[in-house]
Amino acid sequence: GVISRKDKLLMVLALLTALHQGEAMHMYAEIARNEGATGEEVRDAMRVGILFSGGPGIVAASGAAVRFGQD
């Protein structure tokens, strides 16, 4: 496809954040990192999800954001 696997995984992360799926976020964040996503890209994808879900998204993203806080 036109969109890279890494970018698709970052989209999944944004969706999982919006849906408050913390455990799945950890898994997909790790997969995205293995596909070459930086910590900054992972955090940015989560921020997109937070924009659509507010407080619950912040809670879901907090554990994954800490885990991927450093490149």
C-alpha atoms as a PDB file:
ATOM      1  CA  GLY A   1       0.000   0.000   0.000  1.00  0.00           C
ATOM      2  CA  VAL A   2       0.830   3.639  -0.150  1.00  0.00           C
ATOM      3  CA  ILE A   3       0.904   4.077   3.626  1.00  0.00           C
ATOM      4  CA  SER A   4       3.859   2.453   5.345  1.00  0.00           C
ATOM      5  CA  ARG A   5       3.372  -0.285   7.949  1.00  0.00           C
ATOM      6  CA  LYS A   6       4.894   1.994  10.594  1.00  0.00           C
ATOM      7  CA  ASP A   7       2.387   4.759   9.813  1.00  0.00           C
ATOM      8  CA  LYS A   8      -0.516   2.311   9.883  1.00  0.00           C
ATOM      9  CA  LEU A   9       0.623   1.114  13.312  1.00  0.00           C
ATOM     10  CA  LEU A  10       0.740   4.719  14.529  1.00  0.00           C
ATOM     11  CA  MET A  11      -2.854   5.142  13.302  1.00  0.00           C
ATOM     12  CA  VAL A  12      -3.820   2.043  15.269  1.00  0.00           C
ATOM     13  CA  LEU A  13      -2.197   3.572  18.351  1.00  0.00           C
ATOM     14  CA  ALA A  14      -4.275   6.737  17.970  1.00  0.00           C
ATOM     15  CA  LEU A  15      -7.441   4.647  17.657  1.00  0.00           C
ATOM     16  CA  LEU A  16      -6.580   2.459  20.634  1.00  0.00           C
ATOM     17  CA  THR A  17      -5.913   5.562  22.722  1.00  0.00           C
ATOM     18  CA  ALA A  18      -9.299   7.014  21.782  1.00  0.00           C
ATOM     19  CA  LEU A  19     -10.928   3.680  22.662  1.00  0.00           C
ATOM     20  CA  HIS A  20      -9.056   3.476  26.021  1.00  0.00           C
ATOM     21  CA  GLN A  21      -7.405   0.137  25.236  1.00  0.00           C
ATOM     22  CA  GLY A  22      -4.292   0.400  27.417  1.00  0.00           C
ATOM     23  CA  GLU A  23      -3.023  -3.176  27.106  1.00  0.00           C
ATOM     24  CA  ALA A  24      -3.367  -3.224  23.324  1.00  0.00           C
ATOM     25  CA  MET A  25      -1.651   0.184  23.175  1.00  0.00           C
ATOM     26  CA  HIS A  26       1.432  -1.252  24.873  1.00  0.00           C
ATOM     27  CA  MET A  27       1.569  -4.085  22.379  1.00  0.00           C
ATOM     28  CA  TYR A  28       1.093  -1.902  19.300  1.00  0.00           C
ATOM     29  CA  ALA A  29       3.500   0.750  20.565  1.00  0.00           C
ATOM     30  CA  GLU A  30       6.171  -1.947  20.830  1.00  0.00           C
ATOM     31  CA  ILE A  31       5.369  -3.236  17.343  1.00  0.00           C
ATOM     32  CA  ALA A  32       5.520   0.320  15.959  1.00  0.00           C
ATOM     33  CA  ARG A  33       8.905   0.837  17.619  1.00  0.00           C
ATOM     34  CA  ASN A  34      10.137  -2.395  16.027  1.00  0.00           C
ATOM     35  CA  GLU A  35       8.972  -1.021  12.665  1.00  0.00           C
ATOM     36  CA  GLY A  36      11.103   2.101  13.179  1.00  0.00           C
ATOM     37  CA  ALA A  37       8.757   4.541  14.936  1.00  0.00           C
ATOM     38  CA  THR A  38      10.494   6.897  17.331  1.00  0.00           C
ATOM     39  CA  GLY A  39       9.297   7.557  20.861  1.00  0.00           C
ATOM     40  CA  GLU A  40       8.222  11.003  19.686  1.00  0.00           C
ATOM     41  CA  GLU A  41       6.084   9.482  16.919  1.00  0.00           C
ATOM     42  CA  VAL A  42       4.484   7.036  19.362  1.00  0.00           C
ATOM     43  CA  ARG A  43       3.658   9.847  21.808  1.00  0.00           C
ATOM     44  CA  ASP A  44       2.309  12.041  18.995  1.00  0.00           C
ATOM     45  CA  ALA A  45      -0.009   9.253  17.811  1.00  0.00           C
ATOM     46  CA  MET A  46      -1.311   8.914  21.370  1.00  0.00           C
ATOM     47  CA  ARG A  47      -1.889  12.677  21.527  1.00  0.00           C
ATOM     48  CA  VAL A  48      -4.129  12.384  18.473  1.00  0.00           C
ATOM     49  CA  GLY A  49      -6.182   9.752  20.289  1.00  0.00           C
ATOM     50  CA  ILE A  50      -6.378  11.933  23.388  1.00  0.00           C
ATOM     51  CA  LEU A  51      -7.783  14.789  21.285  1.00  0.00           C
ATOM     52  CA  PHE A  52     -10.724  12.552  20.387  1.00  0.00           C
ATOM     53  CA  SER A  53     -11.323  11.025  23.808  1.00  0.00           C
ATOM     54  CA  GLY A  54     -10.252  13.523  26.460  1.00  0.00           C
ATOM     55  CA  GLY A  55      -9.563  12.405  30.017  1.00  0.00           C
ATOM     56  CA  PRO A  56     -10.070   8.659  29.539  1.00  0.00           C
ATOM     57  CA  GLY A  57      -7.539   8.716  26.691  1.00  0.00           C
ATOM     58  CA  ILE A  58      -5.030  10.425  28.950  1.00  0.00           C
ATOM     59  CA  VAL A  59      -5.388   7.647  31.493  1.00  0.00           C
ATOM     60  CA  ALA A  60      -5.045   4.953  28.818  1.00  0.00           C
ATOM     61  CA  ALA A  61      -1.995   6.630  27.266  1.00  0.00           C
ATOM     62  CA  SER A  62      -0.154   7.456  30.479  1.00  0.00           C
ATOM     63  CA  GLY A  63       1.452   4.044  30.989  1.00  0.00           C
ATOM     64  CA  ALA A  64       2.527   3.649  27.384  1.00  0.00           C
ATOM     65  CA  ALA A  65       3.827   7.214  27.215  1.00  0.00           C
ATOM     66  CA  VAL A  66       6.064   6.634  30.210  1.00  0.00           C
ATOM     67  CA  ARG A  67       7.345   3.401  28.715  1.00  0.00           C
ATOM     68  CA  PHE A  68       8.208   5.081  25.395  1.00  0.00           C
ATOM     69  CA  GLY A  69       9.318   8.409  26.822  1.00  0.00           C
ATOM     70  CA  GLN A  70      12.916   7.970  25.726  1.00  0.00           C
ATOM     71  CA  ASP A  71      14.279   7.087  22.294  1.00  0.00           C
END
